[in-house]
């Protein structure tokens, strides 16, 4: 990023509304990406369970946790020491949650999981149309953005590309025309191995299994986003924040900045633009959509 480009960005930031761009609605710095909307609290069946529920449900979860051992069959059973006494089933608030509860609680828990993105401040939408990638993180997704010069009648989009399925770690990422290749398809793996539903993901490319990573833990604007070995570090953890047009900001945990297709004018990028992090300014080059996609 040149000094001229940086100055241009500063000027455009002040006049972003004048350019006809939709300013981002950023999550306040004091909020977690999965902070709850008013009236809800984290469920906390485990410390990392950030599904938002009414206070009474959190109290019920704590009470059920306190009965974990008392509700197990002391003689074991078909599921070994995790086998529940008759009349109880696993809660399964998370994939590893084997606390024994009454069947009604298990049913309610599944419903709460389905509602999770509608109860986080960053992701709530009036129409509730945000199940992807929250409920189906292991599916294959294309991360798309509208290209420069796209006409209203055109259906083409650009997609994030881990640069030609490169074989070495640290490869820079770009936006490219959608060819359906594995390097253009990603899994949104829940941070912590799927231990809880939370607004936190490692974004893993389908070609070599590298994670979208802000290079060298850089916190400055313009630091490139590369594909590197997945380690679960904060510069590989991304959250989604909804925008007024239904698209997403993709925010990286360690800096709070947004995934950005390089374009100093903040307008839609062209094919080949490299990915970097930048302050979340609401530019069209930060406006992402996530949709299930094949790898054909």
Protein backbone atom coordinates (compact mmCIF):
# COMPACT_ATOMS: atom_id res chain seq x y z
CA UNK A 1 0.00 0.00 0.00
CA UNK A 2 1.56 3.29 -1.08
CA UNK A 3 1.39 6.55 0.84
CA UNK A 4 -0.82 7.98 -1.91
CA UNK A 5 -3.25 5.10 -1.60
CA UNK A 6 -3.34 5.47 2.17
CA UNK A 7 -4.15 9.17 1.88
CA UNK A 8 -6.87 8.38 -0.64
CA UNK A 9 -8.41 5.87 1.74
CA UNK A 10 -8.43 8.44 4.54
CA UNK A 11 -10.20 10.96 2.33
CA UNK A 12 -12.74 8.45 1.13
CA UNK A 13 -13.48 7.31 4.66
CA UNK A 14 -14.65 10.80 5.55
CA UNK A 15 -16.90 10.92 2.50
CA UNK A 16 -18.01 7.31 2.22
CA UNK A 17 -21.70 8.22 2.31
CA UNK A 18 -21.18 10.71 -0.47
CA UNK A 19 -19.87 7.95 -2.70
CA UNK A 20 -23.15 6.08 -2.35
CA UNK A 21 -21.62 3.31 -0.25
CA UNK A 22 -23.47 1.72 2.62
CA UNK A 23 -21.46 2.34 5.79
CA UNK A 24 -20.75 -0.73 7.86
CA UNK A 25 -22.65 -1.20 11.09
CA UNK A 26 -19.64 -2.31 13.15
CA UNK A 27 -19.90 -4.33 16.30
CA UNK A 28 -18.82 -2.06 19.18
CA UNK A 29 -15.27 -2.76 20.28
CA UNK A 30 -16.48 -3.81 23.73
CA UNK A 31 -18.72 -6.54 22.27
CA UNK A 32 -17.76 -10.09 21.45
CA UNK A 33 -18.67 -11.25 17.92
CA UNK A 34 -21.27 -13.48 19.54
CA UNK A 35 -22.54 -11.01 22.15
CA UNK A 36 -26.26 -11.60 22.68
CA UNK A 37 -29.11 -9.32 21.76
CA UNK A 38 -30.93 -7.74 24.67
CA UNK A 39 -32.79 -10.21 26.85
CA UNK A 40 -30.49 -13.18 26.21
CA UNK A 41 -27.37 -14.61 27.82
CA UNK A 42 -24.87 -17.28 26.81
CA UNK A 43 -26.13 -20.79 27.52
CA UNK A 44 -22.76 -21.96 28.90
CA UNK A 45 -23.30 -25.70 28.92
CA UNK A 46 -19.50 -25.45 28.63
CA UNK A 47 -17.31 -22.33 28.89
CA UNK A 48 -17.21 -21.93 25.10
CA UNK A 49 -20.95 -22.41 24.53
CA UNK A 50 -22.06 -18.99 23.30
CA UNK A 51 -25.54 -19.85 22.08
CA UNK A 52 -27.83 -17.11 23.40
CA UNK A 53 -30.81 -18.16 25.49
CA UNK A 54 -33.16 -16.72 28.13
CA UNK A 55 -31.72 -16.61 31.65
CA UNK A 56 -33.96 -19.48 32.75
CA UNK A 57 -32.38 -21.76 30.14
CA UNK A 58 -28.88 -20.90 31.34
CA UNK A 59 -30.01 -21.74 34.89
CA UNK A 60 -31.42 -25.05 33.65
CA UNK A 61 -28.14 -25.88 31.90
CA UNK A 62 -26.20 -25.25 35.10
CA UNK A 63 -28.60 -27.44 37.06
CA UNK A 64 -28.30 -30.26 34.52
CA UNK A 65 -24.51 -29.99 34.59
CA UNK A 66 -24.57 -30.43 38.37
CA UNK A 67 -26.41 -33.74 37.91
CA UNK A 68 -24.06 -35.12 35.27
CA UNK A 69 -22.76 -38.07 37.30
CA UNK A 70 -26.01 -38.78 39.14
CA UNK A 71 -27.84 -39.42 35.86
CA UNK A 72 -25.36 -41.91 34.44
CA UNK A 73 -25.91 -45.65 34.67
CA UNK A 74 -23.34 -46.87 37.24
CA UNK A 75 -23.22 -50.23 35.47
CA UNK A 76 -22.48 -48.69 32.11
CA UNK A 77 -24.33 -49.85 29.05
CA UNK A 78 -24.20 -49.72 25.24
CA UNK A 79 -22.38 -46.36 25.37
CA UNK A 80 -19.97 -47.27 28.13
CA UNK A 81 -19.66 -44.99 31.15
CA UNK A 82 -21.52 -42.22 29.30
CA UNK A 83 -24.73 -44.29 29.19
CA UNK A 84 -27.64 -42.44 30.78
CA UNK A 85 -30.13 -43.81 33.27
CA UNK A 86 -33.51 -44.78 31.85
CA UNK A 87 -35.57 -41.71 31.04
CA UNK A 88 -32.58 -39.54 30.18
CA UNK A 89 -30.78 -38.79 26.91
CA UNK A 90 -27.64 -36.89 25.96
CA UNK A 91 -28.21 -33.15 25.72
CA UNK A 92 -25.80 -32.63 22.80
CA UNK A 93 -25.70 -28.85 23.04
CA UNK A 94 -22.33 -29.31 21.33
CA UNK A 95 -20.94 -32.41 19.60
CA UNK A 96 -19.07 -33.41 22.77
CA UNK A 97 -21.92 -32.69 25.22
CA UNK A 98 -22.93 -36.00 26.83
CA UNK A 99 -24.69 -34.59 29.89
CA UNK A 100 -27.87 -36.59 30.55
CA UNK A 101 -31.14 -34.65 30.47
CA UNK A 102 -34.83 -35.33 29.98
CA UNK A 103 -35.81 -35.63 26.29
CA UNK A 104 -37.66 -32.31 26.33
CA UNK A 105 -34.45 -30.46 27.21
CA UNK A 106 -32.60 -32.14 24.35
CA UNK A 107 -35.32 -31.05 21.91
CA UNK A 108 -35.24 -27.48 23.20
CA UNK A 109 -31.44 -27.45 23.01
CA UNK A 110 -31.51 -28.35 19.31
CA UNK A 111 -34.00 -25.55 18.69
CA UNK A 112 -31.75 -23.07 20.51
CA UNK A 113 -28.81 -24.11 18.33
CA UNK A 114 -30.87 -23.41 15.23
CA UNK A 115 -31.71 -19.93 16.54
CA UNK A 116 -28.11 -19.06 17.48
CA UNK A 117 -27.29 -16.62 14.65
CA UNK A 118 -30.61 -14.83 15.17
CA UNK A 119 -29.66 -13.98 18.75
CA UNK A 120 -26.15 -12.56 18.24
CA UNK A 121 -25.97 -8.80 17.78
CA UNK A 122 -23.53 -9.14 14.90
CA UNK A 123 -25.55 -11.61 12.85
CA UNK A 124 -29.23 -11.13 13.61
CA UNK A 125 -31.40 -10.57 10.53
CA UNK A 126 -35.05 -9.65 10.36
CA UNK A 127 -35.85 -12.53 7.99
CA UNK A 128 -33.77 -15.12 9.84
CA UNK A 129 -31.99 -16.08 6.60
CA UNK A 130 -28.55 -16.70 8.06
CA UNK A 131 -28.27 -20.43 8.67
CA UNK A 132 -25.21 -20.70 6.39
CA UNK A 133 -22.50 -21.24 7.48
CA UNK A 134 -23.53 -21.32 11.13
CA UNK A 135 -25.45 -24.61 11.15
CA UNK A 136 -23.59 -26.35 8.34
CA UNK A 137 -19.99 -25.33 8.86
CA UNK A 138 -18.56 -28.48 7.29
CA UNK A 139 -20.26 -27.86 3.94
CA UNK A 140 -18.38 -26.47 0.96
CA UNK A 141 -18.84 -22.74 0.41
CA UNK A 142 -17.94 -20.09 -2.11
CA UNK A 143 -17.10 -16.69 -0.61
CA UNK A 144 -18.34 -14.25 -3.23
CA UNK A 145 -18.16 -10.54 -3.98
CA UNK A 146 -19.65 -8.47 -6.80
CA UNK A 147 -17.04 -7.45 -9.39
CA UNK A 148 -16.33 -4.02 -10.82
CA UNK A 149 -18.56 -3.16 -13.77
CA UNK A 150 -21.14 -5.82 -13.05
CA UNK A 151 -24.45 -4.99 -14.71
CA UNK A 152 -27.75 -5.55 -12.98
CA UNK A 153 -28.65 -8.26 -15.49
CA UNK A 154 -25.43 -10.20 -14.97
CA UNK A 155 -25.15 -13.12 -12.57
CA UNK A 156 -21.37 -13.39 -12.43
CA UNK A 157 -19.52 -12.88 -9.17
CA UNK A 158 -15.92 -13.09 -8.06
CA UNK A 159 -14.87 -15.61 -5.44
CA UNK A 160 -12.07 -15.85 -2.92
CA UNK A 161 -9.31 -18.01 -4.40
CA UNK A 162 -6.37 -19.57 -2.55
CA UNK A 163 -4.34 -18.78 -5.66
CA UNK A 164 -4.43 -21.81 -7.90
CA UNK A 165 -4.30 -24.57 -5.29
CA UNK A 166 -0.71 -23.72 -4.47
CA UNK A 167 1.21 -26.37 -2.58
CA UNK A 168 3.22 -24.22 -0.21
CA UNK A 169 2.08 -22.42 2.89
CA UNK A 170 1.95 -18.64 2.88
CA UNK A 171 0.42 -18.24 -0.57
CA UNK A 172 -1.39 -14.96 -1.11
CA UNK A 173 -5.12 -15.05 -1.77
CA UNK A 174 -7.09 -13.17 -4.42
CA UNK A 175 -10.55 -12.78 -5.88
CA UNK A 176 -11.05 -14.51 -9.21
CA UNK A 177 -13.69 -15.60 -11.68
CA UNK A 178 -15.53 -18.62 -10.33
CA UNK A 179 -14.18 -21.81 -11.92
CA UNK A 180 -15.49 -24.14 -9.22
CA UNK A 181 -11.99 -25.36 -8.35
CA UNK A 182 -11.12 -26.68 -4.87
CA UNK A 183 -8.99 -23.59 -4.20
CA UNK A 184 -12.19 -21.54 -4.53
CA UNK A 185 -14.20 -23.62 -2.08
CA UNK A 186 -13.95 -23.33 1.69
CA UNK A 187 -15.13 -24.91 4.91
CA UNK A 188 -16.08 -22.70 7.84
CA UNK A 189 -14.69 -24.85 10.63
CA UNK A 190 -15.86 -23.85 14.06
CA UNK A 191 -13.02 -22.61 16.19
CA UNK A 192 -12.09 -25.20 18.81
CA UNK A 193 -12.97 -28.22 16.69
CA UNK A 194 -16.71 -27.66 16.76
CA UNK A 195 -16.89 -27.64 20.55
CA UNK A 196 -19.64 -25.02 20.56
CA UNK A 197 -21.78 -22.97 18.29
CA UNK A 198 -20.20 -19.55 18.24
CA UNK A 199 -19.55 -16.80 15.73
CA UNK A 200 -15.94 -17.86 15.25
CA UNK A 201 -14.53 -19.86 12.35
CA UNK A 202 -11.37 -21.04 10.70
CA UNK A 203 -11.91 -20.67 6.94
CA UNK A 204 -10.20 -23.64 5.27
CA UNK A 205 -9.53 -23.88 1.54
CA UNK A 206 -10.51 -27.03 -0.31
CA UNK A 207 -7.27 -27.50 -2.21
CA UNK A 208 -4.53 -27.86 0.40
CA UNK A 209 -6.41 -27.37 3.66
CA UNK A 210 -4.82 -24.02 4.46
CA UNK A 211 -6.57 -21.43 6.63
CA UNK A 212 -7.18 -17.84 5.63
CA UNK A 213 -4.56 -16.06 7.74
CA UNK A 214 -3.49 -12.47 8.28
CA UNK A 215 0.23 -12.72 7.55
CA UNK A 216 2.63 -12.67 10.49
CA UNK A 217 -0.04 -11.50 12.97
CA UNK A 218 0.11 -8.05 11.35
CA UNK A 219 -2.36 -5.55 12.75
CA UNK A 220 -1.87 -2.75 10.25
CA UNK A 221 -4.09 -1.86 7.32
CA UNK A 222 -2.88 -3.51 4.12
CA UNK A 223 -1.46 -6.66 5.72
CA UNK A 224 -2.03 -9.44 3.21
CA UNK A 225 -4.27 -12.43 3.81
CA UNK A 226 -2.57 -15.71 2.92
CA UNK A 227 -3.34 -19.43 3.08
CA UNK A 228 -1.30 -21.03 5.86
CA UNK A 229 -1.32 -24.15 8.02
CA UNK A 230 -4.27 -24.11 10.41
CA UNK A 231 -3.15 -23.56 14.00
CA UNK A 232 -6.20 -21.94 15.57
CA UNK A 233 -4.36 -18.68 16.23
CA UNK A 234 -6.26 -15.41 16.52
CA UNK A 235 -5.06 -14.25 13.09
CA UNK A 236 -6.93 -17.24 11.60
CA UNK A 237 -10.21 -16.82 13.49
CA UNK A 238 -12.94 -14.98 11.60
CA UNK A 239 -16.40 -13.82 12.61
CA UNK A 240 -19.27 -12.55 10.51
CA UNK A 241 -21.01 -9.21 11.00
CA UNK A 242 -24.15 -8.43 9.05
CA UNK A 243 -24.47 -5.43 6.73
CA UNK A 244 -27.59 -3.56 5.71
CA UNK A 245 -27.63 -5.06 2.22
CA UNK A 246 -27.62 -8.63 3.52
CA UNK A 247 -23.92 -9.26 2.88
CA UNK A 248 -21.26 -9.81 5.54
CA UNK A 249 -18.17 -8.22 6.92
CA UNK A 250 -15.59 -10.94 7.68
CA UNK A 251 -13.65 -9.76 10.73
CA UNK A 252 -10.43 -11.30 11.98
CA UNK A 253 -10.13 -11.78 15.73
CA UNK A 254 -6.62 -10.50 16.45
CA UNK A 255 -7.10 -7.05 14.90
CA UNK A 256 -10.85 -6.60 14.43
CA UNK A 257 -10.23 -5.57 10.81
CA UNK A 258 -12.14 -6.77 7.77
CA UNK A 259 -11.27 -9.08 4.90
CA UNK A 260 -10.79 -6.70 1.97
CA UNK A 261 -10.26 -7.13 -1.77
CA UNK A 262 -7.61 -4.52 -2.55
CA UNK A 263 -9.13 -1.43 -4.15
CA UNK A 264 -8.21 2.00 -2.74
CA UNK A 265 -11.48 3.54 -3.98
CA UNK A 266 -13.55 1.15 -1.79
CA UNK A 267 -15.60 0.19 -4.84
CA UNK A 268 -16.12 -3.31 -6.22
CA UNK A 269 -12.84 -5.07 -7.06
CA UNK A 270 -11.60 -6.50 -10.32
CA UNK A 271 -10.52 -10.10 -10.86
CA UNK A 272 -7.01 -10.63 -9.55
CA UNK A 273 -7.27 -8.17 -6.65
CA UNK A 274 -5.35 -9.51 -3.68
CA UNK A 275 -6.87 -9.93 -0.23
CA UNK A 276 -5.74 -7.88 2.73
CA UNK A 277 -7.09 -6.69 6.05
CA UNK A 278 -8.34 -3.14 6.45
CA UNK A 279 -10.48 -1.12 8.81
CA UNK A 280 -14.14 -2.00 8.32
CA UNK A 281 -15.35 0.93 6.21
CA UNK A 282 -18.42 -0.50 4.51
CA UNK A 283 -16.81 -0.50 1.07
CA UNK A 284 -18.06 -2.72 -1.71
CA UNK A 285 -14.66 -4.39 -1.64
CA UNK A 286 -15.49 -5.66 1.87
CA UNK A 287 -19.01 -6.91 1.06
CA UNK A 288 -18.99 -10.72 1.13
CA UNK A 289 -21.62 -13.40 0.70
CA UNK A 290 -21.28 -17.03 1.73
CA UNK A 291 -23.22 -19.64 -0.21
CA UNK A 292 -23.14 -23.45 -0.45
CA UNK A 293 -21.28 -24.51 -3.57
CA UNK A 294 -20.14 -27.63 -5.36
CA UNK A 295 -16.53 -28.44 -6.30
CA UNK A 296 -17.38 -29.47 -9.83
